[in-house]
Amino acid sequence: MGSRSSRTAKIAIVVVVLAGIALAYRLGVFAQLAEPKSFARAVLGLGGWGYAGFIAAYAILQPFGVPGTVFIVAAPLIWPWHVAFALSMVGTMLASVIGFSFARFVARDWVSARIPARFRKYDEALERNAFRTVFVLRLIFWMPQMLHAFLGVSKVPFWTHFWGSLLGYIPPLLLVSYMGTQIFDAAGKLEPRAWIPLGALLAVSLLLAAVLRRGSKQPARPENSGV
């Protein structure tokens, strides 16, 4: 009975995902996503529904192939930076949870066989310190679909993934939301001067990762024996 219910739930999730993707295709969302500026105009045309439309499109489409940069670049073209940051965080977290959950509960075996080797090297780090590793991976790599999938088929607990991802996303999404138009052009391509803030973010991320790694390797101080 339990296995039948689980199978039914998985089928229902797949149907919902496919229906959402099909609806997006039918409405021409994929054509609008060709460049952030076009997507921004489409969202503005929704009026008050633009917030919900942005989050829904991000959450449903990003885990299954649409680059997350399209959404986080479009957001500052539509709203003030603080609103863009809040919506980008919500959309990114929902997309991450959906991608993680799909890999863990729906298509685990199929996904596991397709994880690139560059992510497999983090298996041992996840076993030693899951929260720190998730945080660093999100801070450096952001939100690629394969990272959602890799974390989903790993042994990382759901809430460890959730909070580690949330904290790891804050610096890059804050940077893009605040300096979006200076980093990316209307087509979503990097501006020539973008290497300065992005390089600084990468350097800080790598430094923080090194500090955290070094701290985790420090031997425990011997307890006072009282002698």
C-alpha atoms as a PDB file:
ATOM      1  CA  MET A   1       0.000   0.000   0.000  1.00  0.00           C
ATOM      2  CA  GLY A   2       2.824   2.375   0.934  1.00  0.00           C
ATOM      3  CA  SER A   3       4.800   1.709  -2.259  1.00  0.00           C
ATOM      4  CA  ARG A   4       1.673   2.237  -4.367  1.00  0.00           C
ATOM      5  CA  SER A   5       0.985   5.588  -2.668  1.00  0.00           C
ATOM      6  CA  SER A   6       4.598   6.623  -3.160  1.00  0.00           C
ATOM      7  CA  ARG A   7       4.473   5.687  -6.838  1.00  0.00           C
ATOM      8  CA  THR A   8       1.207   7.597  -7.276  1.00  0.00           C
ATOM      9  CA  ALA A   9       2.702  10.674  -5.608  1.00  0.00           C
ATOM     10  CA  LYS A  10       5.758  10.539  -7.873  1.00  0.00           C
ATOM     11  CA  ILE A  11       3.593  10.258 -10.970  1.00  0.00           C
ATOM     12  CA  ALA A  12       1.470  13.180  -9.780  1.00  0.00           C
ATOM     13  CA  ILE A  13       4.574  15.335  -9.272  1.00  0.00           C
ATOM     14  CA  VAL A  14       5.878  14.497 -12.740  1.00  0.00           C
ATOM     15  CA  VAL A  15       2.482  15.313 -14.281  1.00  0.00           C
ATOM     16  CA  VAL A  16       2.337  18.671 -12.467  1.00  0.00           C
ATOM     17  CA  VAL A  17       5.869  19.567 -13.592  1.00  0.00           C
ATOM     18  CA  LEU A  18       5.206  18.582 -17.201  1.00  0.00           C
ATOM     19  CA  ALA A  19       1.899  20.468 -17.173  1.00  0.00           C
ATOM     20  CA  GLY A  20       3.649  23.598 -15.869  1.00  0.00           C
ATOM     21  CA  ILE A  21       6.344  23.382 -18.536  1.00  0.00           C
ATOM     22  CA  ALA A  22       3.755  22.751 -21.253  1.00  0.00           C
ATOM     23  CA  LEU A  23       1.687  25.733 -20.089  1.00  0.00           C
ATOM     24  CA  ALA A  24       4.776  27.946 -20.090  1.00  0.00           C
ATOM     25  CA  TYR A  25       5.547  26.847 -23.641  1.00  0.00           C
ATOM     26  CA  ARG A  26       1.953  27.435 -24.709  1.00  0.00           C
ATOM     27  CA  LEU A  27       2.000  30.962 -23.286  1.00  0.00           C
ATOM     28  CA  GLY A  28       5.264  31.770 -25.033  1.00  0.00           C
ATOM     29  CA  VAL A  29       7.253  32.087 -21.828  1.00  0.00           C
ATOM     30  CA  PHE A  30      10.283  30.302 -23.286  1.00  0.00           C
ATOM     31  CA  ALA A  31      10.470  32.763 -26.167  1.00  0.00           C
ATOM     32  CA  GLN A  32      10.353  35.669 -23.701  1.00  0.00           C
ATOM     33  CA  LEU A  33      13.093  34.062 -21.630  1.00  0.00           C
ATOM     34  CA  ALA A  34      15.481  34.315 -24.568  1.00  0.00           C
ATOM     35  CA  GLU A  35      16.732  37.527 -22.997  1.00  0.00           C
ATOM     36  CA  PRO A  36      16.081  39.140 -19.598  1.00  0.00           C
ATOM     37  CA  LYS A  37      14.844  42.446 -21.063  1.00  0.00           C
ATOM     38  CA  SER A  38      12.100  40.686 -23.026  1.00  0.00           C
ATOM     39  CA  PHE A  39      11.099  38.716 -19.941  1.00  0.00           C
ATOM     40  CA  ALA A  40      11.066  41.923 -17.890  1.00  0.00           C
ATOM     41  CA  ARG A  41       8.609  43.528 -20.326  1.00  0.00           C
ATOM     42  CA  ALA A  42       6.354  40.459 -20.134  1.00  0.00           C
ATOM     43  CA  VAL A  43       6.361  40.538 -16.319  1.00  0.00           C
ATOM     44  CA  LEU A  44       5.586  44.263 -16.275  1.00  0.00           C
ATOM     45  CA  GLY A  45       2.606  43.540 -18.528  1.00  0.00           C
ATOM     46  CA  LEU A  46       1.126  41.340 -15.796  1.00  0.00           C
ATOM     47  CA  GLY A  47       0.681  44.310 -13.470  1.00  0.00           C
ATOM     48  CA  GLY A  48       0.074  43.233  -9.885  1.00  0.00           C
ATOM     49  CA  TRP A  49       0.351  39.578 -10.896  1.00  0.00           C
ATOM     50  CA  GLY A  50       3.944  40.146 -11.964  1.00  0.00           C
ATOM     51  CA  TYR A  51       5.322  39.134  -8.561  1.00  0.00           C
ATOM     52  CA  ALA A  52       3.526  35.788  -8.600  1.00  0.00           C
ATOM     53  CA  GLY A  53       4.274  35.217 -12.286  1.00  0.00           C
ATOM     54  CA  PHE A  54       7.978  35.856 -11.773  1.00  0.00           C
ATOM     55  CA  ILE A  55       8.245  33.503  -8.782  1.00  0.00           C
ATOM     56  CA  ALA A  56       6.126  30.775 -10.400  1.00  0.00           C
ATOM     57  CA  ALA A  57       8.098  30.833 -13.651  1.00  0.00           C
ATOM     58  CA  TYR A  58      11.400  30.825 -11.757  1.00  0.00           C
ATOM     59  CA  ALA A  59      10.412  27.991  -9.407  1.00  0.00           C
ATOM     60  CA  ILE A  60       8.966  25.704 -12.095  1.00  0.00           C
ATOM     61  CA  LEU A  61      11.286  26.315 -15.033  1.00  0.00           C
ATOM     62  CA  GLN A  62      14.741  26.854 -13.518  1.00  0.00           C
ATOM     63  CA  PRO A  63      15.161  23.348 -12.021  1.00  0.00           C
ATOM     64  CA  PHE A  64      14.460  21.823 -15.436  1.00  0.00           C
ATOM     65  CA  GLY A  65      16.749  23.748 -17.742  1.00  0.00           C
ATOM     66  CA  VAL A  66      16.102  27.499 -17.787  1.00  0.00           C
ATOM     67  CA  PRO A  67      19.170  29.387 -16.460  1.00  0.00           C
ATOM     68  CA  GLY A  68      18.570  31.112 -13.138  1.00  0.00           C
ATOM     69  CA  THR A  69      20.578  34.108 -14.344  1.00  0.00           C
ATOM     70  CA  VAL A  70      17.709  35.025 -16.676  1.00  0.00           C
ATOM     71  CA  PHE A  71      15.503  35.672 -13.655  1.00  0.00           C
ATOM     72  CA  ILE A  72      17.986  37.346 -11.347  1.00  0.00           C
ATOM     73  CA  VAL A  73      19.157  39.640 -14.160  1.00  0.00           C
ATOM     74  CA  ALA A  74      15.577  40.489 -15.167  1.00  0.00           C
ATOM     75  CA  ALA A  75      14.478  41.301 -11.605  1.00  0.00           C
ATOM     76  CA  PRO A  76      16.491  44.572 -11.224  1.00  0.00           C
ATOM     77  CA  LEU A  77      15.215  45.659 -14.647  1.00  0.00           C
ATOM     78  CA  ILE A  78      11.663  45.470 -13.291  1.00  0.00           C
ATOM     79  CA  TRP A  79      11.783  46.448  -9.609  1.00  0.00           C
ATOM     80  CA  PRO A  80      13.941  48.451  -7.165  1.00  0.00           C
ATOM     81  CA  TRP A  81      16.973  46.466  -6.029  1.00  0.00           C
ATOM     82  CA  HIS A  82      15.568  45.514  -2.615  1.00  0.00           C
ATOM     83  CA  VAL A  83      12.372  44.125  -4.180  1.00  0.00           C
ATOM     84  CA  ALA A  84      14.438  42.382  -6.867  1.00  0.00           C
ATOM     85  CA  PHE A  85      16.618  40.817  -4.176  1.00  0.00           C
ATOM     86  CA  ALA A  86      13.653  39.559  -2.137  1.00  0.00           C
ATOM     87  CA  LEU A  87      11.901  38.049  -5.174  1.00  0.00           C
ATOM     88  CA  SER A  88      15.136  36.551  -6.492  1.00  0.00           C
ATOM     89  CA  MET A  89      15.762  34.912  -3.121  1.00  0.00           C
ATOM     90  CA  VAL A  90      12.243  33.468  -2.959  1.00  0.00           C
ATOM     91  CA  GLY A  91      12.372  32.208  -6.542  1.00  0.00           C
ATOM     92  CA  THR A  92      15.870  30.781  -6.161  1.00  0.00           C
ATOM     93  CA  MET A  93      15.015  28.970  -2.938  1.00  0.00           C
ATOM     94  CA  LEU A  94      11.818  27.496  -4.383  1.00  0.00           C
ATOM     95  CA  ALA A  95      13.672  26.361  -7.504  1.00  0.00           C
ATOM     96  CA  SER A  96      16.409  24.819  -5.343  1.00  0.00           C
ATOM     97  CA  VAL A  97      13.896  22.975  -3.159  1.00  0.00           C
ATOM     98  CA  ILE A  98      12.007  21.675  -6.199  1.00  0.00           C
ATOM     99  CA  GLY A  99      15.196  20.540  -7.944  1.00  0.00           C
ATOM    100  CA  PHE A 100      16.505  18.942  -4.737  1.00  0.00           C
ATOM    101  CA  SER A 101      13.185  17.208  -3.976  1.00  0.00           C
ATOM    102  CA  PHE A 102      12.708  15.972  -7.543  1.00  0.00           C
ATOM    103  CA  ALA A 103      16.146  14.336  -7.466  1.00  0.00           C
ATOM    104  CA  ARG A 104      15.662  12.846  -3.993  1.00  0.00           C
ATOM    105  CA  PHE A 105      12.059  11.626  -4.082  1.00  0.00           C
ATOM    106  CA  VAL A 106      11.056  11.228  -7.736  1.00  0.00           C
ATOM    107  CA  ALA A 107      13.970  10.310 -10.006  1.00  0.00           C
ATOM    108  CA  ARG A 108      16.824   9.451  -7.654  1.00  0.00           C
ATOM    109  CA  ASP A 109      18.362   6.545  -9.612  1.00  0.00           C
ATOM    110  CA  TRP A 110      18.051   8.275 -12.980  1.00  0.00           C
ATOM    111  CA  VAL A 111      19.543  11.508 -11.649  1.00  0.00           C
ATOM    112  CA  SER A 112      22.324   9.796  -9.680  1.00  0.00           C
ATOM    113  CA  ALA A 113      23.651   8.129 -12.838  1.00  0.00           C
ATOM    114  CA  ARG A 114      24.019  11.514 -14.539  1.00  0.00           C
ATOM    115  CA  ILE A 115      25.804  13.570 -11.875  1.00  0.00           C
ATOM    116  CA  PRO A 116      29.058  15.025 -13.321  1.00  0.00           C
ATOM    117  CA  ALA A 117      32.346  13.944 -11.768  1.00  0.00           C
ATOM    118  CA  ARG A 118      33.151  17.530 -10.773  1.00  0.00           C
ATOM    119  CA  PHE A 119      30.382  17.366  -8.161  1.00  0.00           C
ATOM    120  CA  ARG A 120      31.124  13.811  -6.995  1.00  0.00           C
ATOM    121  CA  LYS A 121      34.405  14.985  -5.498  1.00  0.00           C
ATOM    122  CA  TYR A 122      32.391  16.809  -2.818  1.00  0.00           C
ATOM    123  CA  ASP A 123      30.789  13.605  -1.468  1.00  0.00           C
ATOM    124  CA  GLU A 124      33.385  13.208   1.255  1.00  0.00           C
ATOM    125  CA  ALA A 125      33.133  16.870   2.286  1.00  0.00           C
ATOM    126  CA  LEU A 126      29.362  16.540   2.561  1.00  0.00           C
ATOM    127  CA  GLU A 127      29.761  13.561   4.896  1.00  0.00           C
ATOM    128  CA  ARG A 128      32.202  15.461   7.123  1.00  0.00           C
ATOM    129  CA  ASN A 129      30.453  18.839   7.226  1.00  0.00           C
ATOM    130  CA  ALA A 130      27.238  19.008   5.232  1.00  0.00           C
ATOM    131  CA  PHE A 131      26.111  22.520   6.194  1.00  0.00           C
ATOM    132  CA  ARG A 132      29.448  24.186   5.483  1.00  0.00           C
ATOM    133  CA  THR A 133      29.840  22.340   2.170  1.00  0.00           C
ATOM    134  CA  VAL A 134      26.342  23.261   0.960  1.00  0.00           C
ATOM    135  CA  PHE A 135      26.950  26.887   1.942  1.00  0.00           C
ATOM    136  CA  VAL A 136      30.276  27.060   0.068  1.00  0.00           C
ATOM    137  CA  LEU A 137      28.933  25.280  -3.032  1.00  0.00           C
ATOM    138  CA  ARG A 138      26.002  27.693  -3.268  1.00  0.00           C
ATOM    139  CA  LEU A 139      28.239  30.678  -2.619  1.00  0.00           C
ATOM    140  CA  ILE A 140      30.604  29.733  -5.458  1.00  0.00           C
ATOM    141  CA  PHE A 141      28.427  27.920  -8.016  1.00  0.00           C
ATOM    142  CA  TRP A 142      25.028  29.552  -7.269  1.00  0.00           C
ATOM    143  CA  MET A 143      22.091  27.584  -8.677  1.00  0.00           C
ATOM    144  CA  PRO A 144      22.976  25.207 -11.554  1.00  0.00           C
ATOM    145  CA  GLN A 145      20.447  22.426 -12.075  1.00  0.00           C
ATOM    146  CA  MET A 146      23.086  19.724 -11.631  1.00  0.00           C
ATOM    147  CA  LEU A 147      23.975  21.093  -8.208  1.00  0.00           C
ATOM    148  CA  HIS A 148      20.320  20.844  -7.135  1.00  0.00           C
ATOM    149  CA  ALA A 149      20.355  17.251  -8.370  1.00  0.00           C
ATOM    150  CA  PHE A 150      23.679  16.357  -6.764  1.00  0.00           C
ATOM    151  CA  LEU A 151      22.590  17.625  -3.366  1.00  0.00           C
ATOM    152  CA  GLY A 152      19.267  15.829  -3.790  1.00  0.00           C
ATOM    153  CA  VAL A 153      20.865  12.409  -4.282  1.00  0.00           C
ATOM    154  CA  SER A 154      23.453  13.036  -1.547  1.00  0.00           C
ATOM    155  CA  LYS A 155      22.944  12.239   2.142  1.00  0.00           C
ATOM    156  CA  VAL A 156      22.461  15.886   3.067  1.00  0.00           C
ATOM    157  CA  PRO A 157      19.319  16.336   5.216  1.00  0.00           C
ATOM    158  CA  PHE A 158      16.622  18.533   3.678  1.00  0.00           C
ATOM    159  CA  TRP A 159      16.847  21.344   6.240  1.00  0.00           C
ATOM    160  CA  THR A 160      20.642  21.375   6.139  1.00  0.00           C
ATOM    161  CA  HIS A 161      20.368  21.881   2.382  1.00  0.00           C
ATOM    162  CA  PHE A 162      17.704  24.548   2.845  1.00  0.00           C
ATOM    163  CA  TRP A 163      19.552  26.731   5.363  1.00  0.00           C
ATOM    164  CA  GLY A 164      22.981  26.209   3.821  1.00  0.00           C
ATOM    165  CA  SER A 165      21.610  27.221   0.416  1.00  0.00           C
ATOM    166  CA  LEU A 166      19.769  30.223   1.827  1.00  0.00           C
ATOM    167  CA  LEU A 167      22.891  31.670   3.440  1.00  0.00           C
ATOM    168  CA  GLY A 168      25.073  30.820   0.451  1.00  0.00           C
ATOM    169  CA  TYR A 169      22.763  32.604  -1.977  1.00  0.00           C
ATOM    170  CA  ILE A 170      22.625  35.894  -0.094  1.00  0.00           C
ATOM    171  CA  PRO A 171      25.962  37.441  -1.231  1.00  0.00           C
ATOM    172  CA  PRO A 172      25.704  36.700  -4.988  1.00  0.00           C
ATOM    173  CA  LEU A 173      22.001  37.553  -5.271  1.00  0.00           C
ATOM    174  CA  LEU A 174      22.486  40.740  -3.277  1.00  0.00           C
ATOM    175  CA  LEU A 175      25.333  41.744  -5.594  1.00  0.00           C
ATOM    176  CA  VAL A 176      23.363  41.035  -8.779  1.00  0.00           C
ATOM    177  CA  SER A 177      20.232  42.740  -7.461  1.00  0.00           C
ATOM    178  CA  TYR A 178      22.124  45.861  -6.402  1.00  0.00           C
ATOM    179  CA  MET A 179      24.486  46.079  -9.389  1.00  0.00           C
ATOM    180  CA  GLY A 180      22.537  44.100 -11.979  1.00  0.00           C
ATOM    181  CA  THR A 181      22.544  46.670 -14.747  1.00  0.00           C
ATOM    182  CA  GLN A 182      26.274  47.246 -14.265  1.00  0.00           C
ATOM    183  CA  ILE A 183      27.135  43.535 -14.403  1.00  0.00           C
ATOM    184  CA  PHE A 184      24.816  42.295 -17.171  1.00  0.00           C
ATOM    185  CA  ASP A 185      23.466  43.931 -20.306  1.00  0.00           C
ATOM    186  CA  ALA A 186      19.816  43.720 -21.411  1.00  0.00           C
ATOM    187  CA  ALA A 187      20.499  40.391 -23.157  1.00  0.00           C
ATOM    188  CA  GLY A 188      21.888  38.859 -19.968  1.00  0.00           C
ATOM    189  CA  LYS A 189      25.510  38.908 -21.130  1.00  0.00           C
ATOM    190  CA  LEU A 190      28.329  40.040 -18.884  1.00  0.00           C
ATOM    191  CA  GLU A 191      29.448  43.624 -19.257  1.00  0.00           C
ATOM    192  CA  PRO A 192      33.202  44.100 -19.825  1.00  0.00           C
ATOM    193  CA  ARG A 193      33.580  45.732 -16.407  1.00  0.00           C
ATOM    194  CA  ALA A 194      31.659  42.964 -14.628  1.00  0.00           C
ATOM    195  CA  TRP A 195      34.835  41.052 -13.838  1.00  0.00           C
ATOM    196  CA  ILE A 196      35.651  43.514 -11.060  1.00  0.00           C
ATOM    197  CA  PRO A 197      32.670  42.888  -8.716  1.00  0.00           C
ATOM    198  CA  LEU A 198      32.308  39.245  -9.752  1.00  0.00           C
ATOM    199  CA  GLY A 199      36.036  38.655  -9.322  1.00  0.00           C
ATOM    200  CA  ALA A 200      35.887  40.270  -5.886  1.00  0.00           C
ATOM    201  CA  LEU A 201      32.912  38.071  -4.936  1.00  0.00           C
ATOM    202  CA  LEU A 202      34.733  34.951  -6.138  1.00  0.00           C
ATOM    203  CA  ALA A 203      37.886  35.908  -4.231  1.00  0.00           C
ATOM    204  CA  VAL A 204      35.923  36.509  -1.026  1.00  0.00           C
ATOM    205  CA  SER A 205      34.038  33.234  -1.530  1.00  0.00           C
ATOM    206  CA  LEU A 206      37.244  31.245  -2.002  1.00  0.00           C
ATOM    207  CA  LEU A 207      38.848  32.953   0.995  1.00  0.00           C
ATOM    208  CA  LEU A 208      35.844  32.181   3.166  1.00  0.00           C
ATOM    209  CA  ALA A 209      35.828  28.584   1.952  1.00  0.00           C
ATOM    210  CA  ALA A 210      39.522  28.259   2.822  1.00  0.00           C
ATOM    211  CA  VAL A 211      38.980  29.746   6.285  1.00  0.00           C
ATOM    212  CA  LEU A 212      36.065  27.418   6.994  1.00  0.00           C
ATOM    213  CA  ARG A 213      38.009  24.412   5.739  1.00  0.00           C
ATOM    214  CA  ARG A 214      41.046  25.281   7.825  1.00  0.00           C
ATOM    215  CA  GLY A 215      38.874  25.789  10.913  1.00  0.00           C
ATOM    216  CA  SER A 216      37.279  22.392  10.472  1.00  0.00           C
ATOM    217  CA  LYS A 217      40.707  20.719  10.332  1.00  0.00           C
ATOM    218  CA  GLN A 218      42.028  22.230  13.557  1.00  0.00           C
ATOM    219  CA  PRO A 219      42.566  19.472  16.125  1.00  0.00           C
ATOM    220  CA  ALA A 220      40.376  19.550  19.174  1.00  0.00           C
ATOM    221  CA  ARG A 221      42.024  21.044  22.245  1.00  0.00           C
ATOM    222  CA  PRO A 222      42.795  18.394  24.914  1.00  0.00           C
ATOM    223  CA  GLU A 223      40.570  18.560  27.899  1.00  0.00           C
ATOM    224  CA  ASN A 224      42.072  19.616  31.197  1.00  0.00           C
ATOM    225  CA  SER A 225      42.776  16.410  33.091  1.00  0.00           C
ATOM    226  CA  GLY A 226      42.989  18.271  36.380  1.00  0.00           C
ATOM    227  CA  VAL A 227      46.516  16.985  37.044  1.00  0.00           C
END
